[in-house]
Amino acid sequence: MALSMANQWLLKPWMKPLLWVVGAVPALALLVGALTDGLGANPAQTLVQETGQWTLRWLWLTLLVTPLREMAALPALVRYRRTLGVTAFVYAVLHLLSYAWLDKGWVIDAIVADVFKRNFILVGMLTFALMLPLALTSFNAAVRALGGRKWQLLHKLVYAVALLGLLHFYLKKAAKNDVSEVMVYAVILALLLGWRVVRRGGIMAMLRVR
C-alpha cells in the first residue's frame, strides 16, 4: 500500500518541475556565495571543485534510479532518470565554464596546453565529450530519430562517463595526496555498477541492449 502511494506521488505532474528546482539549488547557493564573498579565500577554485563534485553526485543519482526502482518496486522512478542525467550535464557545463573562465581566462591556447600537460584535464575533457551526445539525445524526438535500440546502446556510455569522471576526480586529488573523498565516490560507484553486473549476469550482459 505504501509503495503504491509512493508511485502515485512520483506520477504527480508537479514532481518533475520540483526536481528541476532541487537540482538548481546547489548552483544558486554557489552563485550567492560568489556574490557575497562566501566561497573562501579562493572562490574560483571553490567553484571549479564544487561544480565538479555536483556533477558526480547527480550522475551517481542517475545511476541509482534503476537499482532503486527494482529493489523498492517503484517503476515510476524511471520518469526522473533523464532529468537527473541532464542535471548532471548542466553541472558538467558549469564545471567546464568555471575552469575555462576563472582558471584560464578564456585563453584557448592555455586550455589546449593544459589538456596535453595535465592528465586529469585530458580525462575531464574526454568525460565531457562523452556526456555531450547523451545530453543532445536526452529528448523524445531523439529517441524516435535513433530508434529505441540505438538510443539505449548510445546511453550505455553513461558507464564510461561515470568511470572517467571518477578517474578525473582521482587524478586531481592524487596530485595533492588527498584521495579519501574520492574513495567514498568510488565505493558508491562500485555498488551501483556491481549491482548491475550481478543482476544482469555479467559485464557483457550489463552492456547488452535488450
N, C-alpha and C. Protein backbone atom coordinates (compact mmCIF):
# COMPACT_ATOMS: atom_id res chain seq x y z
N MET A 1 0.84 -1.21 0.00
CA MET A 1 0.00 0.00 0.00
C MET A 1 0.87 1.26 0.00
N ALA A 2 1.90 1.27 0.86
CA ALA A 2 2.78 2.44 0.96
C ALA A 2 3.54 2.64 -0.35
N LEU A 3 4.01 1.52 -0.95
CA LEU A 3 4.74 1.62 -2.20
C LEU A 3 3.84 2.11 -3.32
N SER A 4 2.59 1.66 -3.31
CA SER A 4 1.63 2.12 -4.31
C SER A 4 1.41 3.62 -4.19
N MET A 5 1.31 4.10 -2.97
CA MET A 5 1.14 5.54 -2.75
C MET A 5 2.37 6.31 -3.20
N ALA A 6 3.56 5.74 -2.95
CA ALA A 6 4.80 6.39 -3.38
C ALA A 6 4.85 6.51 -4.89
N ASN A 7 4.42 5.47 -5.58
CA ASN A 7 4.37 5.53 -7.04
C ASN A 7 3.39 6.58 -7.52
N GLN A 8 2.27 6.69 -6.85
CA GLN A 8 1.28 7.70 -7.21
C GLN A 8 1.85 9.11 -7.04
N TRP A 9 2.60 9.31 -5.98
CA TRP A 9 3.23 10.62 -5.77
C TRP A 9 4.26 10.91 -6.85
N LEU A 10 5.01 9.87 -7.23
CA LEU A 10 6.03 10.05 -8.27
C LEU A 10 5.42 10.39 -9.62
N LEU A 11 4.16 10.05 -9.80
CA LEU A 11 3.47 10.32 -11.06
C LEU A 11 2.79 11.69 -11.08
N LYS A 12 2.85 12.41 -9.97
CA LYS A 12 2.23 13.74 -9.92
C LYS A 12 2.92 14.66 -10.93
N PRO A 13 2.16 15.47 -11.67
CA PRO A 13 2.76 16.31 -12.72
C PRO A 13 3.73 17.36 -12.20
N TRP A 14 3.61 17.73 -10.93
CA TRP A 14 4.49 18.77 -10.40
C TRP A 14 5.79 18.22 -9.83
N MET A 15 5.93 16.89 -9.80
CA MET A 15 7.13 16.31 -9.21
C MET A 15 8.38 16.58 -10.05
N LYS A 16 8.23 16.49 -11.37
CA LYS A 16 9.41 16.72 -12.20
C LYS A 16 9.88 18.17 -12.15
N PRO A 17 8.98 19.17 -12.24
CA PRO A 17 9.43 20.56 -12.03
C PRO A 17 10.08 20.76 -10.66
N LEU A 18 9.56 20.06 -9.66
CA LEU A 18 10.16 20.17 -8.32
C LEU A 18 11.59 19.65 -8.33
N LEU A 19 11.82 18.56 -9.08
CA LEU A 19 13.17 18.02 -9.17
C LEU A 19 14.11 19.01 -9.85
N TRP A 20 13.62 19.72 -10.88
CA TRP A 20 14.45 20.74 -11.53
C TRP A 20 14.82 21.84 -10.53
N VAL A 21 13.86 22.22 -9.69
CA VAL A 21 14.13 23.26 -8.68
C VAL A 21 15.18 22.77 -7.70
N VAL A 22 15.03 21.54 -7.23
CA VAL A 22 16.01 20.96 -6.30
C VAL A 22 17.38 20.91 -6.96
N GLY A 23 17.42 20.54 -8.25
CA GLY A 23 18.68 20.47 -8.97
C GLY A 23 19.38 21.81 -9.08
N ALA A 24 18.59 22.88 -9.10
CA ALA A 24 19.16 24.22 -9.25
C ALA A 24 19.70 24.78 -7.94
N VAL A 25 19.29 24.21 -6.81
CA VAL A 25 19.66 24.76 -5.50
C VAL A 25 21.17 24.85 -5.30
N PRO A 26 21.96 23.79 -5.55
CA PRO A 26 23.41 23.92 -5.34
C PRO A 26 24.04 25.02 -6.20
N ALA A 27 23.60 25.13 -7.45
CA ALA A 27 24.14 26.17 -8.33
C ALA A 27 23.80 27.56 -7.81
N LEU A 28 22.57 27.73 -7.34
CA LEU A 28 22.16 29.02 -6.79
C LEU A 28 22.93 29.34 -5.51
N ALA A 29 23.18 28.32 -4.70
CA ALA A 29 23.95 28.52 -3.47
C ALA A 29 25.38 28.98 -3.80
N LEU A 30 25.97 28.37 -4.83
CA LEU A 30 27.31 28.78 -5.25
C LEU A 30 27.30 30.20 -5.80
N LEU A 31 26.25 30.55 -6.55
CA LEU A 31 26.14 31.90 -7.09
C LEU A 31 26.04 32.93 -5.96
N VAL A 32 25.18 32.64 -4.97
CA VAL A 32 25.04 33.54 -3.83
C VAL A 32 26.37 33.67 -3.09
N GLY A 33 27.06 32.53 -2.93
CA GLY A 33 28.36 32.56 -2.26
C GLY A 33 29.37 33.41 -3.01
N ALA A 34 29.34 33.31 -4.34
CA ALA A 34 30.27 34.10 -5.15
C ALA A 34 29.96 35.59 -5.04
N LEU A 35 28.68 35.94 -5.00
CA LEU A 35 28.28 37.35 -4.95
C LEU A 35 28.47 37.97 -3.57
N THR A 36 28.54 37.12 -2.55
CA THR A 36 28.65 37.63 -1.17
C THR A 36 30.00 37.31 -0.53
N ASP A 37 30.98 36.95 -1.37
CA ASP A 37 32.31 36.59 -0.85
C ASP A 37 32.26 35.47 0.17
N GLY A 38 31.40 34.50 -0.10
CA GLY A 38 31.23 33.39 0.84
C GLY A 38 31.85 32.09 0.39
N LEU A 39 32.77 32.14 -0.57
CA LEU A 39 33.37 30.92 -1.09
C LEU A 39 34.82 30.73 -0.65
N GLY A 40 35.22 31.43 0.38
CA GLY A 40 36.55 31.24 0.92
C GLY A 40 37.60 32.10 0.25
N ALA A 41 38.85 31.78 0.55
CA ALA A 41 39.98 32.59 0.07
C ALA A 41 40.19 32.48 -1.43
N ASN A 42 39.79 31.35 -2.01
CA ASN A 42 39.97 31.14 -3.45
C ASN A 42 38.63 30.74 -4.07
N PRO A 43 37.76 31.73 -4.31
CA PRO A 43 36.41 31.42 -4.81
C PRO A 43 36.42 30.71 -6.16
N ALA A 44 37.38 31.04 -7.03
CA ALA A 44 37.44 30.39 -8.34
C ALA A 44 37.68 28.89 -8.18
N GLN A 45 38.62 28.54 -7.32
CA GLN A 45 38.91 27.12 -7.07
C GLN A 45 37.71 26.42 -6.46
N THR A 46 37.02 27.10 -5.56
CA THR A 46 35.83 26.52 -4.93
C THR A 46 34.75 26.24 -5.96
N LEU A 47 34.53 27.18 -6.86
CA LEU A 47 33.52 27.00 -7.91
C LEU A 47 33.86 25.82 -8.81
N VAL A 48 35.12 25.72 -9.20
CA VAL A 48 35.53 24.61 -10.07
C VAL A 48 35.35 23.29 -9.34
N GLN A 49 35.79 23.22 -8.10
CA GLN A 49 35.71 21.97 -7.35
C GLN A 49 34.26 21.58 -7.05
N GLU A 50 33.46 22.53 -6.62
CA GLU A 50 32.09 22.21 -6.23
C GLU A 50 31.23 21.82 -7.43
N THR A 51 31.38 22.52 -8.54
CA THR A 51 30.58 22.14 -9.72
C THR A 51 31.00 20.76 -10.22
N GLY A 52 32.29 20.44 -10.09
CA GLY A 52 32.76 19.12 -10.48
C GLY A 52 32.17 18.02 -9.61
N GLN A 53 32.17 18.25 -8.31
CA GLN A 53 31.64 17.22 -7.41
C GLN A 53 30.12 17.10 -7.54
N TRP A 54 29.45 18.20 -7.79
CA TRP A 54 28.00 18.10 -8.00
C TRP A 54 27.68 17.36 -9.30
N THR A 55 28.55 17.46 -10.28
CA THR A 55 28.37 16.67 -11.49
C THR A 55 28.37 15.19 -11.15
N LEU A 56 29.35 14.77 -10.36
CA LEU A 56 29.42 13.36 -9.97
C LEU A 56 28.22 12.96 -9.12
N ARG A 57 27.79 13.80 -8.22
CA ARG A 57 26.65 13.46 -7.36
C ARG A 57 25.38 13.24 -8.16
N TRP A 58 25.12 14.13 -9.11
CA TRP A 58 23.92 13.96 -9.93
C TRP A 58 24.04 12.76 -10.86
N LEU A 59 25.25 12.50 -11.31
CA LEU A 59 25.47 11.33 -12.16
C LEU A 59 25.25 10.04 -11.36
N TRP A 60 25.73 10.01 -10.13
CA TRP A 60 25.54 8.84 -9.27
C TRP A 60 24.05 8.65 -8.98
N LEU A 61 23.32 9.74 -8.77
CA LEU A 61 21.87 9.64 -8.55
C LEU A 61 21.17 9.10 -9.79
N THR A 62 21.66 9.49 -10.97
CA THR A 62 21.10 8.96 -12.21
C THR A 62 21.26 7.45 -12.26
N LEU A 63 22.45 6.97 -11.88
CA LEU A 63 22.72 5.53 -11.89
C LEU A 63 21.96 4.80 -10.77
N LEU A 64 21.55 5.52 -9.76
CA LEU A 64 20.81 4.92 -8.65
C LEU A 64 19.38 4.58 -9.04
N VAL A 65 18.84 5.24 -10.04
CA VAL A 65 17.43 5.09 -10.38
C VAL A 65 17.06 3.64 -10.66
N THR A 66 17.82 2.97 -11.52
CA THR A 66 17.45 1.60 -11.90
C THR A 66 17.48 0.62 -10.72
N PRO A 67 18.57 0.54 -9.94
CA PRO A 67 18.51 -0.39 -8.81
C PRO A 67 17.45 -0.03 -7.78
N LEU A 68 17.27 1.26 -7.51
CA LEU A 68 16.26 1.66 -6.55
C LEU A 68 14.86 1.34 -7.05
N ARG A 69 14.64 1.55 -8.35
CA ARG A 69 13.34 1.25 -8.95
C ARG A 69 13.00 -0.23 -8.81
N GLU A 70 14.00 -1.10 -9.04
CA GLU A 70 13.74 -2.54 -8.97
C GLU A 70 13.67 -3.04 -7.54
N MET A 71 14.59 -2.60 -6.69
CA MET A 71 14.60 -3.10 -5.32
C MET A 71 13.42 -2.59 -4.50
N ALA A 72 13.00 -1.34 -4.76
CA ALA A 72 11.90 -0.75 -3.99
C ALA A 72 10.56 -0.88 -4.69
N ALA A 73 10.55 -1.53 -5.86
CA ALA A 73 9.31 -1.68 -6.64
C ALA A 73 8.66 -0.32 -6.89
N LEU A 74 9.46 0.61 -7.43
CA LEU A 74 8.97 1.95 -7.74
C LEU A 74 9.19 2.24 -9.23
N PRO A 75 8.38 1.64 -10.10
CA PRO A 75 8.59 1.81 -11.54
C PRO A 75 8.49 3.25 -12.01
N ALA A 76 7.76 4.09 -11.28
CA ALA A 76 7.60 5.49 -11.69
C ALA A 76 8.90 6.28 -11.59
N LEU A 77 9.89 5.74 -10.89
CA LEU A 77 11.18 6.43 -10.77
C LEU A 77 11.85 6.65 -12.11
N VAL A 78 11.55 5.78 -13.07
CA VAL A 78 12.21 5.88 -14.37
C VAL A 78 11.92 7.22 -15.04
N ARG A 79 10.82 7.86 -14.68
CA ARG A 79 10.46 9.16 -15.24
C ARG A 79 11.50 10.24 -14.93
N TYR A 80 12.29 10.01 -13.89
CA TYR A 80 13.21 11.04 -13.41
C TYR A 80 14.67 10.80 -13.81
N ARG A 81 14.93 9.65 -14.43
CA ARG A 81 16.31 9.33 -14.78
C ARG A 81 16.89 10.33 -15.77
N ARG A 82 16.10 10.67 -16.78
CA ARG A 82 16.61 11.60 -17.79
C ARG A 82 16.82 12.99 -17.18
N THR A 83 15.92 13.41 -16.33
CA THR A 83 16.06 14.71 -15.66
C THR A 83 17.34 14.77 -14.84
N LEU A 84 17.62 13.70 -14.11
CA LEU A 84 18.84 13.65 -13.31
C LEU A 84 20.08 13.67 -14.19
N GLY A 85 20.01 12.95 -15.31
CA GLY A 85 21.15 12.93 -16.23
C GLY A 85 21.42 14.29 -16.83
N VAL A 86 20.36 14.99 -17.23
CA VAL A 86 20.52 16.33 -17.79
C VAL A 86 21.06 17.29 -16.73
N THR A 87 20.61 17.14 -15.49
CA THR A 87 21.12 17.97 -14.40
C THR A 87 22.62 17.74 -14.22
N ALA A 88 23.05 16.49 -14.29
CA ALA A 88 24.48 16.19 -14.20
C ALA A 88 25.24 16.89 -15.31
N PHE A 89 24.68 16.88 -16.52
CA PHE A 89 25.34 17.54 -17.65
C PHE A 89 25.42 19.04 -17.45
N VAL A 90 24.36 19.65 -16.93
CA VAL A 90 24.36 21.09 -16.68
C VAL A 90 25.49 21.45 -15.72
N TYR A 91 25.67 20.64 -14.67
CA TYR A 91 26.76 20.92 -13.73
C TYR A 91 28.12 20.66 -14.37
N ALA A 92 28.19 19.70 -15.30
CA ALA A 92 29.44 19.49 -16.03
C ALA A 92 29.77 20.72 -16.88
N VAL A 93 28.76 21.32 -17.50
CA VAL A 93 28.96 22.55 -18.27
C VAL A 93 29.45 23.67 -17.36
N LEU A 94 28.81 23.80 -16.20
CA LEU A 94 29.24 24.83 -15.23
C LEU A 94 30.67 24.58 -14.77
N HIS A 95 31.02 23.31 -14.59
CA HIS A 95 32.39 22.94 -14.19
C HIS A 95 33.39 23.35 -15.27
N LEU A 96 33.07 23.04 -16.52
CA LEU A 96 33.96 23.39 -17.63
C LEU A 96 34.06 24.91 -17.79
N LEU A 97 32.94 25.61 -17.68
CA LEU A 97 32.95 27.06 -17.82
C LEU A 97 33.74 27.71 -16.68
N SER A 98 33.59 27.18 -15.48
CA SER A 98 34.33 27.73 -14.33
C SER A 98 35.83 27.60 -14.55
N TYR A 99 36.23 26.44 -15.07
CA TYR A 99 37.65 26.21 -15.35
C TYR A 99 38.14 27.13 -16.47
N ALA A 100 37.40 27.15 -17.59
CA ALA A 100 37.84 27.92 -18.76
C ALA A 100 37.84 29.42 -18.48
N TRP A 101 36.88 29.90 -17.70
CA TRP A 101 36.76 31.33 -17.44
C TRP A 101 37.61 31.77 -16.26
N LEU A 102 37.40 31.13 -15.11
CA LEU A 102 38.02 31.61 -13.88
C LEU A 102 39.47 31.16 -13.74
N ASP A 103 39.79 30.00 -14.29
CA ASP A 103 41.15 29.49 -14.17
C ASP A 103 42.02 29.89 -15.36
N LYS A 104 41.45 29.90 -16.56
CA LYS A 104 42.23 30.16 -17.76
C LYS A 104 41.85 31.44 -18.49
N GLY A 105 40.86 32.16 -18.00
CA GLY A 105 40.51 33.44 -18.59
C GLY A 105 40.13 33.38 -20.07
N TRP A 106 39.54 32.25 -20.49
CA TRP A 106 39.10 32.05 -21.87
C TRP A 106 40.27 32.04 -22.87
N VAL A 107 41.49 31.83 -22.39
CA VAL A 107 42.66 31.77 -23.29
C VAL A 107 42.73 30.35 -23.85
N ILE A 108 42.33 30.18 -25.11
CA ILE A 108 42.22 28.86 -25.72
C ILE A 108 43.57 28.15 -25.74
N ASP A 109 44.64 28.89 -26.07
CA ASP A 109 45.97 28.27 -26.12
C ASP A 109 46.36 27.68 -24.77
N ALA A 110 46.01 28.39 -23.70
CA ALA A 110 46.34 27.91 -22.36
C ALA A 110 45.54 26.66 -22.02
N ILE A 111 44.28 26.62 -22.46
CA ILE A 111 43.43 25.45 -22.20
C ILE A 111 43.96 24.24 -22.96
N VAL A 112 44.30 24.43 -24.23
CA VAL A 112 44.83 23.33 -25.04
C VAL A 112 46.14 22.81 -24.45
N ALA A 113 47.00 23.73 -24.03
CA ALA A 113 48.27 23.33 -23.41
C ALA A 113 48.01 22.53 -22.14
N ASP A 114 47.02 22.95 -21.37
CA ASP A 114 46.66 22.26 -20.14
C ASP A 114 46.21 20.82 -20.41
N VAL A 115 45.46 20.65 -21.50
CA VAL A 115 44.95 19.32 -21.85
C VAL A 115 46.10 18.35 -22.08
N PHE A 116 47.16 18.82 -22.75
CA PHE A 116 48.28 17.94 -23.07
C PHE A 116 49.30 17.83 -21.93
N LYS A 117 49.24 18.79 -21.00
CA LYS A 117 50.22 18.81 -19.92
C LYS A 117 49.72 18.10 -18.67
N ARG A 118 48.42 18.14 -18.41
CA ARG A 118 47.88 17.62 -17.16
C ARG A 118 46.88 16.50 -17.45
N ASN A 119 47.19 15.31 -16.94
CA ASN A 119 46.37 14.14 -17.25
C ASN A 119 44.91 14.30 -16.82
N PHE A 120 44.70 14.91 -15.65
CA PHE A 120 43.32 14.99 -15.17
C PHE A 120 42.48 15.94 -16.02
N ILE A 121 43.11 16.93 -16.64
CA ILE A 121 42.38 17.81 -17.55
C ILE A 121 42.00 17.05 -18.82
N LEU A 122 42.93 16.26 -19.33
CA LEU A 122 42.65 15.44 -20.53
C LEU A 122 41.49 14.49 -20.27
N VAL A 123 41.52 13.81 -19.13
CA VAL A 123 40.44 12.87 -18.78
C VAL A 123 39.12 13.62 -18.60
N GLY A 124 39.19 14.80 -17.99
CA GLY A 124 37.98 15.59 -17.80
C GLY A 124 37.36 16.01 -19.12
N MET A 125 38.19 16.43 -20.07
CA MET A 125 37.68 16.83 -21.39
C MET A 125 37.07 15.63 -22.12
N LEU A 126 37.69 14.47 -21.99
CA LEU A 126 37.15 13.27 -22.62
C LEU A 126 35.81 12.90 -21.99
N THR A 127 35.72 13.03 -20.69
CA THR A 127 34.46 12.75 -19.99
C THR A 127 33.36 13.66 -20.50
N PHE A 128 33.67 14.95 -20.62
CA PHE A 128 32.67 15.90 -21.10
C PHE A 128 32.26 15.57 -22.54
N ALA A 129 33.24 15.18 -23.37
CA ALA A 129 32.94 14.84 -24.77
C ALA A 129 31.98 13.67 -24.86
N LEU A 130 32.11 12.71 -23.94
CA LEU A 130 31.20 11.56 -23.94
C LEU A 130 29.83 11.92 -23.38
N MET A 131 29.78 12.90 -22.49
CA MET A 131 28.49 13.33 -21.95
C MET A 131 27.68 14.09 -22.99
N LEU A 132 28.36 14.76 -23.90
CA LEU A 132 27.68 15.64 -24.85
C LEU A 132 26.63 14.91 -25.70
N PRO A 133 26.97 13.77 -26.34
CA PRO A 133 25.93 13.09 -27.12
C PRO A 133 24.78 12.56 -26.27
N LEU A 134 25.05 12.24 -25.01
CA LEU A 134 23.98 11.80 -24.13
C LEU A 134 23.00 12.94 -23.86
N ALA A 135 23.55 14.13 -23.63
CA ALA A 135 22.69 15.29 -23.38
C ALA A 135 21.92 15.69 -24.63
N LEU A 136 22.57 15.63 -25.79
CA LEU A 136 21.92 16.04 -27.03
C LEU A 136 20.82 15.08 -27.47
N THR A 137 20.84 13.87 -26.94
CA THR A 137 19.81 12.88 -27.29
C THR A 137 18.90 12.57 -26.10
N SER A 138 18.78 13.53 -25.20
CA SER A 138 18.01 13.29 -23.97
C SER A 138 16.55 13.69 -24.10
N PHE A 139 16.08 13.92 -25.31
CA PHE A 139 14.67 14.30 -25.51
C PHE A 139 13.99 13.26 -26.38
N ASN A 140 12.66 13.25 -26.35
CA ASN A 140 11.88 12.19 -27.00
C ASN A 140 12.10 12.13 -28.51
N ALA A 141 12.26 13.29 -29.14
CA ALA A 141 12.46 13.30 -30.59
C ALA A 141 13.73 12.55 -30.98
N ALA A 142 14.75 12.63 -30.13
CA ALA A 142 16.00 11.91 -30.41
C ALA A 142 15.80 10.42 -30.30
N VAL A 143 14.99 9.99 -29.35
CA VAL A 143 14.69 8.56 -29.20
C VAL A 143 14.00 8.05 -30.45
N ARG A 144 13.03 8.84 -30.94
CA ARG A 144 12.32 8.42 -32.16
C ARG A 144 13.24 8.42 -33.37
N ALA A 145 14.12 9.41 -33.46
CA ALA A 145 15.01 9.51 -34.62
C ALA A 145 16.03 8.38 -34.65
N LEU A 146 16.58 8.04 -33.49
CA LEU A 146 17.59 6.99 -33.42
C LEU A 146 16.98 5.59 -33.41
N GLY A 147 15.78 5.50 -32.88
CA GLY A 147 15.21 4.18 -32.63
C GLY A 147 15.59 3.73 -31.24
N GLY A 148 14.69 3.04 -30.59
CA GLY A 148 14.90 2.68 -29.20
C GLY A 148 16.17 1.90 -28.95
N ARG A 149 16.50 0.94 -29.81
CA ARG A 149 17.68 0.10 -29.60
C ARG A 149 18.98 0.91 -29.70
N LYS A 150 19.09 1.74 -30.75
CA LYS A 150 20.30 2.55 -30.92
C LYS A 150 20.42 3.57 -29.80
N TRP A 151 19.29 4.12 -29.39
CA TRP A 151 19.31 5.11 -28.31
C TRP A 151 19.80 4.47 -27.01
N GLN A 152 19.29 3.29 -26.70
CA GLN A 152 19.73 2.59 -25.48
C GLN A 152 21.22 2.25 -25.55
N LEU A 153 21.66 1.81 -26.73
CA LEU A 153 23.08 1.47 -26.89
C LEU A 153 23.96 2.69 -26.67
N LEU A 154 23.56 3.84 -27.25
CA LEU A 154 24.31 5.07 -27.06
C LEU A 154 24.40 5.45 -25.59
N HIS A 155 23.28 5.29 -24.89
CA HIS A 155 23.24 5.73 -23.50
C HIS A 155 23.92 4.77 -22.53
N LYS A 156 24.42 3.65 -23.05
CA LYS A 156 25.30 2.81 -22.24
C LYS A 156 26.62 3.54 -21.96
N LEU A 157 26.89 4.60 -22.74
CA LEU A 157 28.09 5.40 -22.49
C LEU A 157 28.13 6.00 -21.09
N VAL A 158 26.99 6.04 -20.43
CA VAL A 158 26.95 6.62 -19.09
C VAL A 158 27.91 5.89 -18.15
N TYR A 159 28.12 4.59 -18.37
CA TYR A 159 29.05 3.85 -17.51
C TYR A 159 30.48 4.34 -17.72
N ALA A 160 30.85 4.56 -18.98
CA ALA A 160 32.18 5.09 -19.28
C ALA A 160 32.33 6.50 -18.72
N VAL A 161 31.28 7.29 -18.84
CA VAL A 161 31.29 8.66 -18.30
C VAL A 161 31.53 8.63 -16.79
N ALA A 162 30.84 7.74 -16.09
CA ALA A 162 30.99 7.65 -14.64
C ALA A 162 32.41 7.24 -14.25
N LEU A 163 32.95 6.25 -14.93
CA LEU A 163 34.30 5.77 -14.62
C LEU A 163 35.35 6.83 -14.93
N LEU A 164 35.20 7.50 -16.07
CA LEU A 164 36.16 8.55 -16.42
C LEU A 164 36.02 9.76 -15.50
N GLY A 165 34.79 10.07 -15.11
CA GLY A 165 34.58 11.17 -14.17
C GLY A 165 35.25 10.89 -12.84
N LEU A 166 35.14 9.65 -12.38
CA LEU A 166 35.81 9.26 -11.14
C LEU A 166 37.33 9.33 -11.30
N LEU A 167 37.83 8.88 -12.45
CA LEU A 167 39.28 8.94 -12.71
C LEU A 167 39.76 10.39 -12.73
N HIS A 168 39.00 11.27 -13.35
CA HIS A 168 39.31 12.70 -13.38
C HIS A 168 39.44 13.25 -11.96
N PHE A 169 38.49 12.90 -11.12
CA PHE A 169 38.48 13.35 -9.73
C PHE A 169 39.68 12.77 -8.98
N TYR A 170 39.97 11.49 -9.22
CA TYR A 170 41.09 10.84 -8.54
C TYR A 170 42.43 11.48 -8.92
N LEU A 171 42.64 11.69 -10.21
CA LEU A 171 43.91 12.26 -10.66
C LEU A 171 44.12 13.66 -10.09
N LYS A 172 43.03 14.41 -10.00
CA LYS A 172 43.12 15.76 -9.42
C LYS A 172 43.50 15.69 -7.95
N LYS A 173 42.86 14.81 -7.21
CA LYS A 173 43.12 14.70 -5.77
C LYS A 173 44.43 14.01 -5.46
N ALA A 174 44.81 13.03 -6.30
CA ALA A 174 46.04 12.28 -6.06
C ALA A 174 47.26 13.18 -6.14
N ALA A 175 47.17 14.22 -6.96
CA ALA A 175 48.29 15.17 -7.07
C ALA A 175 48.56 15.87 -5.75
N LYS A 176 47.55 15.91 -4.88
CA LYS A 176 47.70 16.55 -3.57
C LYS A 176 47.69 15.52 -2.44
N ASN A 177 47.81 14.24 -2.81
CA ASN A 177 47.81 13.14 -1.83
C ASN A 177 46.58 13.19 -0.93
N ASP A 178 45.43 13.46 -1.54
CA ASP A 178 44.18 13.56 -0.78
C ASP A 178 43.08 12.82 -1.54
N VAL A 179 43.01 11.51 -1.31
CA VAL A 179 42.05 10.70 -2.08
C VAL A 179 40.95 10.10 -1.21
N SER A 180 40.88 10.50 0.05
CA SER A 180 39.87 9.91 0.94
C SER A 180 38.45 10.17 0.43
N GLU A 181 38.20 11.38 -0.04
CA GLU A 181 36.87 11.70 -0.56
C GLU A 181 36.59 10.93 -1.84
N VAL A 182 37.61 10.76 -2.66
CA VAL A 182 37.45 10.01 -3.91
C VAL A 182 37.03 8.58 -3.61
N MET A 183 37.57 8.00 -2.55
CA MET A 183 37.25 6.62 -2.20
C MET A 183 35.77 6.44 -1.88
N VAL A 184 35.17 7.46 -1.28
CA VAL A 184 33.74 7.40 -0.99
C VAL A 184 32.95 7.32 -2.30
N TYR A 185 33.29 8.18 -3.24
CA TYR A 185 32.62 8.15 -4.54
C TYR A 185 32.87 6.81 -5.24
N ALA A 186 34.10 6.27 -5.10
CA ALA A 186 34.45 5.01 -5.76
C ALA A 186 33.64 3.85 -5.20
N VAL A 187 33.48 3.81 -3.89
CA VAL A 187 32.70 2.73 -3.27
C VAL A 187 31.25 2.78 -3.73
N ILE A 188 30.68 3.98 -3.76
CA ILE A 188 29.29 4.13 -4.20
C ILE A 188 29.14 3.67 -5.65
N LEU A 189 30.08 4.09 -6.50
CA LEU A 189 30.01 3.69 -7.91
C LEU A 189 30.19 2.18 -8.05
N ALA A 190 31.09 1.60 -7.27
CA ALA A 190 31.29 0.15 -7.32
C ALA A 190 30.00 -0.59 -6.97
N LEU A 191 29.26 -0.07 -5.99
CA LEU A 191 27.99 -0.69 -5.61
C LEU A 191 26.96 -0.54 -6.72
N LEU A 192 26.90 0.65 -7.34
CA LEU A 192 25.92 0.89 -8.39
C LEU A 192 26.19 0.04 -9.63
N LEU A 193 27.45 -0.07 -10.01
CA LEU A 193 27.80 -0.88 -11.18
C LEU A 193 27.83 -2.36 -10.83
N GLY A 194 28.29 -2.67 -9.62
CA GLY A 194 28.33 -4.07 -9.19
C GLY A 194 26.94 -4.68 -9.15
N TRP A 195 25.98 -3.93 -8.69
CA TRP A 195 24.59 -4.43 -8.67
C TRP A 195 24.15 -4.78 -10.08
N ARG A 196 24.49 -3.94 -11.05
CA ARG A 196 24.09 -4.20 -12.43
C ARG A 196 24.77 -5.47 -12.98
N VAL A 197 26.05 -5.62 -12.67
CA VAL A 197 26.79 -6.79 -13.15
C VAL A 197 26.15 -8.07 -12.61
N VAL A 198 25.86 -8.08 -11.31
CA VAL A 198 25.27 -9.26 -10.69
C VAL A 198 23.84 -9.48 -11.19
N ARG A 199 23.08 -8.41 -11.26
CA ARG A 199 21.66 -8.51 -11.65
C ARG A 199 21.52 -8.95 -13.10
N ARG A 200 22.39 -8.47 -13.97
CA ARG A 200 22.27 -8.79 -15.39
C ARG A 200 23.02 -10.06 -15.77
N GLY A 201 23.91 -10.54 -14.88
CA GLY A 201 24.62 -11.77 -15.17
C GLY A 201 25.96 -11.58 -15.85
N GLY A 202 26.66 -10.51 -15.52
CA GLY A 202 27.99 -10.27 -16.07
C GLY A 202 28.12 -8.92 -16.73
N ILE A 203 29.36 -8.51 -16.96
CA ILE A 203 29.62 -7.18 -17.54
C ILE A 203 29.06 -7.07 -18.95
N MET A 204 29.29 -8.10 -19.77
CA MET A 204 28.80 -8.05 -21.15
C MET A 204 27.28 -8.02 -21.20
N ALA A 205 26.66 -8.75 -20.29
CA ALA A 205 25.20 -8.73 -20.23
C ALA A 205 24.69 -7.35 -19.81
N MET A 206 25.44 -6.69 -18.92
CA MET A 206 25.06 -5.35 -18.47
C MET A 206 25.11 -4.35 -19.64
N LEU A 207 26.07 -4.57 -20.54
CA LEU A 207 26.24 -3.65 -21.66
C LEU A 207 25.33 -3.97 -22.84
N ARG A 208 24.70 -5.15 -22.79
CA ARG A 208 23.87 -5.57 -23.91
C ARG A 208 22.52 -4.85 -23.87
N VAL A 209 22.05 -4.47 -25.04
CA VAL A 209 20.73 -3.85 -25.16
C VAL A 209 19.68 -4.93 -25.31
N ARG A 210 18.66 -4.85 -24.51
CA ARG A 210 17.62 -5.88 -24.54
C ARG A 210 16.38 -5.40 -25.27
